[in-house]
N, C-alpha and C. Protein backbone atom coordinates (compact mmCIF):
# COMPACT_ATOMS: atom_id res chain seq x y z
N MET A 1 -10.57 -3.70 -1.01
CA MET A 1 -11.41 -3.48 0.15
C MET A 1 -11.71 -2.00 0.32
N ALA A 2 -10.82 -1.14 -0.21
CA ALA A 2 -11.02 0.30 -0.06
C ALA A 2 -12.31 0.75 -0.72
N THR A 3 -12.86 -0.05 -1.61
CA THR A 3 -14.09 0.35 -2.30
C THR A 3 -15.34 -0.31 -1.72
N LYS A 4 -15.21 -1.12 -0.69
CA LYS A 4 -16.34 -1.82 -0.10
C LYS A 4 -17.15 -0.90 0.81
N ASP A 5 -18.44 -1.18 0.94
CA ASP A 5 -19.34 -0.35 1.74
C ASP A 5 -18.96 -0.25 3.21
N ILE A 6 -18.60 -1.38 3.83
CA ILE A 6 -18.27 -1.35 5.25
C ILE A 6 -17.04 -0.49 5.50
N ALA A 7 -16.08 -0.54 4.59
CA ALA A 7 -14.89 0.30 4.73
C ALA A 7 -15.28 1.77 4.67
N GLY A 8 -16.23 2.10 3.82
CA GLY A 8 -16.69 3.47 3.71
C GLY A 8 -17.37 3.94 4.99
N THR A 9 -18.15 3.07 5.58
CA THR A 9 -18.84 3.41 6.83
C THR A 9 -17.84 3.67 7.94
N VAL A 10 -16.87 2.78 8.06
CA VAL A 10 -15.83 2.95 9.09
C VAL A 10 -15.03 4.22 8.83
N ALA A 11 -14.70 4.46 7.57
CA ALA A 11 -13.91 5.65 7.23
C ALA A 11 -14.63 6.93 7.61
N LYS A 12 -15.95 6.95 7.48
CA LYS A 12 -16.71 8.15 7.84
C LYS A 12 -16.65 8.41 9.34
N LEU A 13 -16.50 7.35 10.11
CA LEU A 13 -16.43 7.49 11.56
C LEU A 13 -15.05 7.91 12.04
N ALA A 14 -14.03 7.53 11.30
CA ALA A 14 -12.65 7.83 11.68
C ALA A 14 -12.30 9.26 11.27
N LYS A 15 -11.65 9.96 12.15
CA LYS A 15 -11.24 11.34 11.86
C LYS A 15 -9.73 11.45 12.04
N LEU A 16 -9.08 12.13 11.11
CA LEU A 16 -7.64 12.36 11.21
C LEU A 16 -7.37 13.70 11.87
N PRO A 17 -6.22 13.83 12.55
CA PRO A 17 -5.84 15.13 13.12
C PRO A 17 -5.75 16.17 12.01
N SER A 18 -6.07 17.41 12.34
CA SER A 18 -6.10 18.47 11.34
C SER A 18 -4.75 18.68 10.66
N ASP A 19 -3.63 18.49 11.38
CA ASP A 19 -2.32 18.69 10.75
C ASP A 19 -2.05 17.63 9.69
N VAL A 20 -2.56 16.40 9.89
CA VAL A 20 -2.41 15.35 8.88
C VAL A 20 -3.24 15.69 7.66
N LEU A 21 -4.48 16.15 7.88
CA LEU A 21 -5.34 16.54 6.77
C LEU A 21 -4.73 17.68 5.98
N LYS A 22 -4.16 18.66 6.69
CA LYS A 22 -3.54 19.80 6.02
C LYS A 22 -2.35 19.34 5.17
N PHE A 23 -1.52 18.45 5.72
CA PHE A 23 -0.37 17.92 4.99
C PHE A 23 -0.83 17.19 3.74
N ASN A 24 -1.84 16.33 3.87
CA ASN A 24 -2.36 15.60 2.71
C ASN A 24 -2.95 16.55 1.68
N ALA A 25 -3.63 17.58 2.13
CA ALA A 25 -4.21 18.55 1.20
C ALA A 25 -3.12 19.25 0.42
N GLU A 26 -2.00 19.55 1.07
CA GLU A 26 -0.88 20.20 0.37
C GLU A 26 -0.28 19.27 -0.67
N LEU A 27 -0.22 17.99 -0.37
CA LEU A 27 0.32 17.03 -1.33
C LEU A 27 -0.56 16.91 -2.57
N LEU A 28 -1.86 17.10 -2.39
CA LEU A 28 -2.79 16.89 -3.48
C LEU A 28 -3.28 18.19 -4.12
N ASP A 29 -2.60 19.27 -3.87
CA ASP A 29 -2.99 20.55 -4.44
C ASP A 29 -2.78 20.53 -5.95
N LEU A 30 -3.86 20.67 -6.70
CA LEU A 30 -3.78 20.59 -8.15
C LEU A 30 -3.02 21.74 -8.79
N ARG A 31 -2.82 22.79 -8.06
CA ARG A 31 -2.03 23.87 -8.64
C ARG A 31 -0.58 23.42 -8.81
N ILE A 32 -0.20 22.35 -8.11
CA ILE A 32 1.16 21.82 -8.23
C ILE A 32 1.26 20.89 -9.43
N ASP A 33 0.25 20.03 -9.64
CA ASP A 33 0.33 19.05 -10.72
C ASP A 33 -1.07 18.74 -11.24
N GLU A 34 -1.37 19.16 -12.43
CA GLU A 34 -2.68 18.93 -13.05
C GLU A 34 -2.95 17.45 -13.33
N HIS A 35 -1.93 16.62 -13.32
CA HIS A 35 -2.07 15.20 -13.63
C HIS A 35 -3.15 14.52 -12.79
N PHE A 36 -3.27 14.91 -11.53
CA PHE A 36 -4.15 14.19 -10.62
C PHE A 36 -5.63 14.55 -10.75
N LYS A 37 -5.94 15.69 -11.29
CA LYS A 37 -7.31 16.10 -11.57
C LYS A 37 -8.24 15.91 -10.36
N VAL A 38 -7.83 16.43 -9.21
CA VAL A 38 -8.60 16.36 -7.98
C VAL A 38 -9.17 17.74 -7.70
N PRO A 39 -10.45 17.84 -7.40
CA PRO A 39 -11.00 19.16 -7.08
C PRO A 39 -10.26 19.77 -5.89
N ILE A 40 -9.77 20.99 -6.05
CA ILE A 40 -9.05 21.66 -4.97
C ILE A 40 -9.99 21.79 -3.77
N GLY A 41 -9.46 21.47 -2.62
CA GLY A 41 -10.24 21.54 -1.39
C GLY A 41 -10.91 20.23 -1.02
N LYS A 42 -10.92 19.24 -1.93
CA LYS A 42 -11.53 17.95 -1.60
C LYS A 42 -10.70 17.27 -0.54
N LYS A 43 -11.36 16.76 0.49
CA LYS A 43 -10.66 16.01 1.52
C LYS A 43 -10.90 14.53 1.27
N PHE A 44 -9.87 13.73 1.45
CA PHE A 44 -9.96 12.29 1.24
C PHE A 44 -9.91 11.56 2.57
N THR A 45 -10.77 10.58 2.73
CA THR A 45 -10.66 9.70 3.89
C THR A 45 -9.53 8.73 3.62
N SER A 46 -9.05 8.04 4.65
CA SER A 46 -7.98 7.07 4.44
C SER A 46 -8.43 5.99 3.47
N ARG A 47 -9.68 5.59 3.53
CA ARG A 47 -10.20 4.57 2.61
C ARG A 47 -10.17 5.09 1.19
N GLU A 48 -10.64 6.30 0.96
CA GLU A 48 -10.67 6.86 -0.39
C GLU A 48 -9.27 7.02 -0.95
N SER A 49 -8.30 7.32 -0.09
CA SER A 49 -6.94 7.54 -0.59
C SER A 49 -6.29 6.24 -1.05
N LEU A 50 -6.87 5.08 -0.71
CA LEU A 50 -6.31 3.80 -1.12
C LEU A 50 -7.07 3.15 -2.27
N GLU A 51 -8.16 3.76 -2.71
CA GLU A 51 -8.93 3.19 -3.82
C GLU A 51 -8.11 3.17 -5.10
N PRO A 52 -8.30 2.15 -5.93
CA PRO A 52 -7.62 2.16 -7.23
C PRO A 52 -7.92 3.46 -7.98
N GLY A 53 -6.90 4.09 -8.49
CA GLY A 53 -7.07 5.34 -9.23
C GLY A 53 -7.05 6.59 -8.37
N ALA A 54 -6.99 6.45 -7.05
CA ALA A 54 -6.94 7.62 -6.17
C ALA A 54 -5.64 8.38 -6.42
N PRO A 55 -5.63 9.69 -6.23
CA PRO A 55 -4.43 10.49 -6.52
C PRO A 55 -3.17 9.99 -5.83
N MET A 56 -3.26 9.61 -4.56
CA MET A 56 -2.08 9.15 -3.86
C MET A 56 -1.58 7.83 -4.44
N VAL A 57 -2.49 6.94 -4.80
CA VAL A 57 -2.11 5.67 -5.42
C VAL A 57 -1.47 5.94 -6.78
N ALA A 58 -2.08 6.84 -7.54
CA ALA A 58 -1.52 7.19 -8.85
C ALA A 58 -0.12 7.78 -8.71
N ALA A 59 0.08 8.62 -7.72
CA ALA A 59 1.39 9.22 -7.50
C ALA A 59 2.42 8.16 -7.14
N MET A 60 2.03 7.21 -6.30
CA MET A 60 2.98 6.14 -5.93
C MET A 60 3.28 5.25 -7.13
N ASP A 61 2.29 5.04 -8.00
CA ASP A 61 2.49 4.20 -9.18
C ASP A 61 3.52 4.79 -10.14
N ILE A 62 3.56 6.11 -10.25
CA ILE A 62 4.47 6.73 -11.21
C ILE A 62 5.77 7.23 -10.58
N SER A 63 5.84 7.20 -9.24
CA SER A 63 7.04 7.67 -8.56
C SER A 63 8.10 6.58 -8.54
N PRO A 64 9.27 6.87 -9.09
CA PRO A 64 10.33 5.85 -9.09
C PRO A 64 10.95 5.72 -7.70
N TYR A 65 11.52 4.55 -7.44
CA TYR A 65 12.28 4.39 -6.21
C TYR A 65 13.58 5.16 -6.35
N LYS A 66 14.09 5.65 -5.24
CA LYS A 66 15.36 6.35 -5.26
C LYS A 66 16.45 5.38 -5.70
N LYS A 67 17.32 5.84 -6.58
CA LYS A 67 18.39 5.00 -7.10
C LYS A 67 19.20 4.42 -5.93
N GLY A 68 19.44 3.12 -6.00
CA GLY A 68 20.22 2.44 -4.98
C GLY A 68 19.41 1.86 -3.84
N VAL A 69 18.10 2.14 -3.81
CA VAL A 69 17.26 1.60 -2.74
C VAL A 69 16.88 0.17 -3.10
N THR A 70 17.13 -0.74 -2.18
CA THR A 70 16.75 -2.14 -2.36
C THR A 70 15.48 -2.38 -1.57
N TYR A 71 14.51 -3.01 -2.19
CA TYR A 71 13.24 -3.26 -1.52
C TYR A 71 12.80 -4.70 -1.76
N HIS A 72 11.98 -5.19 -0.85
CA HIS A 72 11.52 -6.57 -0.86
C HIS A 72 10.01 -6.57 -0.67
N SER A 73 9.34 -7.65 -1.08
CA SER A 73 7.90 -7.78 -0.90
C SER A 73 7.57 -9.05 -0.13
N VAL A 74 6.67 -8.90 0.84
CA VAL A 74 6.12 -10.03 1.57
C VAL A 74 4.62 -9.81 1.60
N MET A 75 3.87 -10.81 1.10
CA MET A 75 2.42 -10.65 1.04
C MET A 75 1.72 -11.98 1.26
N GLY A 76 0.47 -11.91 1.64
CA GLY A 76 -0.32 -13.11 1.89
C GLY A 76 -1.20 -13.48 0.71
N ASP A 77 -1.61 -14.75 0.69
CA ASP A 77 -2.57 -15.21 -0.34
C ASP A 77 -3.69 -16.05 0.29
N ARG A 78 -3.89 -15.91 1.60
CA ARG A 78 -4.92 -16.63 2.35
C ARG A 78 -4.78 -18.15 2.23
N GLY A 79 -3.58 -18.62 1.88
CA GLY A 79 -3.34 -20.05 1.79
C GLY A 79 -3.91 -20.72 0.57
N LYS A 80 -4.35 -19.92 -0.39
CA LYS A 80 -4.98 -20.49 -1.59
C LYS A 80 -3.98 -20.89 -2.66
N GLY A 81 -2.78 -20.31 -2.63
CA GLY A 81 -1.77 -20.65 -3.61
C GLY A 81 -2.17 -20.36 -5.04
N ASP A 82 -2.97 -19.33 -5.26
CA ASP A 82 -3.47 -19.03 -6.61
C ASP A 82 -2.88 -17.77 -7.23
N THR A 83 -1.66 -17.44 -6.83
CA THR A 83 -0.97 -16.30 -7.43
C THR A 83 -0.79 -16.58 -8.92
N PRO A 84 -0.99 -15.67 -9.82
CA PRO A 84 -1.11 -14.22 -9.66
C PRO A 84 -2.54 -13.72 -9.44
N ASN A 85 -3.48 -14.61 -9.23
CA ASN A 85 -4.86 -14.19 -9.00
C ASN A 85 -5.21 -14.14 -7.52
N SER A 86 -4.19 -14.12 -6.67
CA SER A 86 -4.42 -14.20 -5.24
C SER A 86 -4.70 -12.83 -4.61
N SER A 87 -5.07 -12.91 -3.35
CA SER A 87 -5.36 -11.74 -2.55
C SER A 87 -5.13 -12.13 -1.09
N ASP A 88 -4.76 -11.17 -0.27
CA ASP A 88 -4.65 -11.45 1.16
C ASP A 88 -5.99 -11.21 1.85
N GLY A 89 -7.02 -10.99 1.05
CA GLY A 89 -8.35 -10.71 1.58
C GLY A 89 -8.66 -9.23 1.61
N VAL A 90 -7.64 -8.42 1.44
CA VAL A 90 -7.81 -6.96 1.41
C VAL A 90 -7.18 -6.39 0.15
N VAL A 91 -5.93 -6.79 -0.12
CA VAL A 91 -5.18 -6.27 -1.26
C VAL A 91 -4.92 -7.39 -2.26
N GLU A 92 -5.24 -7.13 -3.51
CA GLU A 92 -4.99 -8.12 -4.56
C GLU A 92 -3.48 -8.19 -4.83
N TYR A 93 -3.02 -9.37 -5.24
CA TYR A 93 -1.60 -9.57 -5.54
C TYR A 93 -1.09 -8.54 -6.55
N TRP A 94 -1.84 -8.32 -7.63
CA TRP A 94 -1.39 -7.39 -8.68
C TRP A 94 -1.17 -5.99 -8.13
N SER A 95 -1.90 -5.65 -7.07
CA SER A 95 -1.78 -4.31 -6.51
C SER A 95 -0.66 -4.21 -5.48
N SER A 96 -0.31 -5.33 -4.87
CA SER A 96 0.68 -5.28 -3.80
C SER A 96 2.10 -5.58 -4.27
N ARG A 97 2.26 -6.24 -5.39
CA ARG A 97 3.61 -6.61 -5.84
C ARG A 97 4.33 -5.39 -6.42
N GLN A 98 5.63 -5.44 -6.36
CA GLN A 98 6.46 -4.35 -6.86
C GLN A 98 7.48 -4.87 -7.85
N ASP A 99 7.43 -4.38 -9.07
CA ASP A 99 8.46 -4.75 -10.05
C ASP A 99 9.82 -4.31 -9.51
N GLY A 100 10.81 -5.14 -9.73
CA GLY A 100 12.16 -4.79 -9.33
C GLY A 100 12.51 -5.13 -7.89
N ALA A 101 11.60 -5.76 -7.16
CA ALA A 101 11.90 -6.13 -5.77
C ALA A 101 13.04 -7.14 -5.76
N ALA A 102 13.93 -7.01 -4.80
CA ALA A 102 15.06 -7.92 -4.68
C ALA A 102 14.58 -9.32 -4.32
N SER A 103 13.45 -9.41 -3.63
CA SER A 103 12.86 -10.71 -3.31
C SER A 103 11.36 -10.53 -3.12
N GLU A 104 10.65 -11.63 -3.29
CA GLU A 104 9.20 -11.61 -3.09
C GLU A 104 8.82 -12.92 -2.41
N LEU A 105 8.10 -12.83 -1.32
CA LEU A 105 7.64 -14.01 -0.60
C LEU A 105 6.14 -13.92 -0.42
N ILE A 106 5.45 -14.98 -0.79
CA ILE A 106 4.01 -15.07 -0.59
C ILE A 106 3.78 -16.09 0.50
N VAL A 107 3.13 -15.66 1.58
CA VAL A 107 2.88 -16.55 2.70
C VAL A 107 1.40 -16.92 2.75
N PRO A 108 1.08 -18.13 3.23
CA PRO A 108 -0.30 -18.61 3.22
C PRO A 108 -1.12 -18.02 4.37
N THR A 109 -1.39 -16.73 4.28
CA THR A 109 -2.13 -16.06 5.34
C THR A 109 -2.88 -14.86 4.78
N ASP A 110 -3.55 -14.13 5.65
CA ASP A 110 -4.37 -12.99 5.25
C ASP A 110 -3.58 -11.68 5.28
N HIS A 111 -4.29 -10.57 5.42
CA HIS A 111 -3.68 -9.24 5.39
C HIS A 111 -2.68 -9.01 6.53
N GLY A 112 -2.74 -9.83 7.54
CA GLY A 112 -1.79 -9.73 8.65
C GLY A 112 -0.55 -10.57 8.42
N SER A 113 -0.09 -10.63 7.18
CA SER A 113 1.03 -11.51 6.82
C SER A 113 2.29 -11.23 7.63
N TYR A 114 2.46 -10.02 8.10
CA TYR A 114 3.64 -9.67 8.87
C TYR A 114 3.75 -10.48 10.16
N LYS A 115 2.64 -11.10 10.61
CA LYS A 115 2.65 -11.90 11.84
C LYS A 115 2.94 -13.37 11.57
N HIS A 116 2.93 -13.78 10.32
CA HIS A 116 3.13 -15.19 9.96
C HIS A 116 4.60 -15.56 10.20
N PRO A 117 4.88 -16.76 10.77
CA PRO A 117 6.26 -17.17 11.04
C PRO A 117 7.19 -17.11 9.82
N ARG A 118 6.70 -17.45 8.65
CA ARG A 118 7.56 -17.38 7.45
C ARG A 118 7.88 -15.93 7.10
N ALA A 119 6.92 -15.04 7.30
CA ALA A 119 7.16 -13.62 7.03
C ALA A 119 8.17 -13.05 8.03
N ILE A 120 8.05 -13.45 9.28
CA ILE A 120 8.99 -12.99 10.31
C ILE A 120 10.39 -13.50 9.99
N GLU A 121 10.48 -14.75 9.59
CA GLU A 121 11.77 -15.33 9.20
C GLU A 121 12.37 -14.58 8.00
N GLU A 122 11.52 -14.24 7.04
CA GLU A 122 11.98 -13.50 5.86
C GLU A 122 12.45 -12.10 6.23
N LEU A 123 11.72 -11.43 7.09
CA LEU A 123 12.13 -10.10 7.53
C LEU A 123 13.48 -10.17 8.24
N ARG A 124 13.65 -11.17 9.08
CA ARG A 124 14.94 -11.36 9.76
C ARG A 124 16.05 -11.57 8.73
N ARG A 125 15.79 -12.41 7.73
CA ARG A 125 16.78 -12.68 6.68
C ARG A 125 17.18 -11.39 5.97
N ILE A 126 16.18 -10.59 5.62
CA ILE A 126 16.42 -9.33 4.90
C ILE A 126 17.22 -8.36 5.75
N LEU A 127 16.84 -8.22 7.02
CA LEU A 127 17.56 -7.30 7.91
C LEU A 127 19.02 -7.74 8.10
N LEU A 128 19.24 -9.03 8.28
CA LEU A 128 20.61 -9.52 8.43
C LEU A 128 21.41 -9.32 7.15
N LEU A 129 20.77 -9.57 6.03
CA LEU A 129 21.41 -9.38 4.72
C LEU A 129 21.90 -7.94 4.57
N HIS A 130 21.00 -7.00 4.84
CA HIS A 130 21.35 -5.59 4.64
C HIS A 130 22.25 -5.04 5.75
N ALA A 131 22.30 -5.74 6.88
CA ALA A 131 23.22 -5.36 7.94
C ALA A 131 24.61 -5.93 7.70
N GLY A 132 24.70 -6.84 6.70
CA GLY A 132 25.98 -7.45 6.39
C GLY A 132 26.39 -8.54 7.37
N ILE A 133 25.41 -9.10 8.03
CA ILE A 133 25.69 -10.14 9.04
C ILE A 133 25.46 -11.52 8.45
């Protein structure tokens, strides 16, 4: 969805606070890492920063999880049950899944999967598990 026209229109209307923009600009400074090949001084909208191949996405793709961190995935498939070709309507399954997750749950809903009763139940299960309860 980050590459769709309507998202671009909305992104142009949305403005981030200057301190957030400054922080993001520091993260993407090419003098730190040539790998990202971003023109110095280029500002990214929130939509652009989520596009496939965007510097921040590329950085997250190659950044390992801290040793010992346990993570889980909960995502929607709009009730189509067509994983691995599914999508929550915004993010494709292939883009949202994480190798090495301790658990993965696909709920029959859209991008708001966190509101689905099965997702809420799963989050509760995970929190209790990690709390040792």
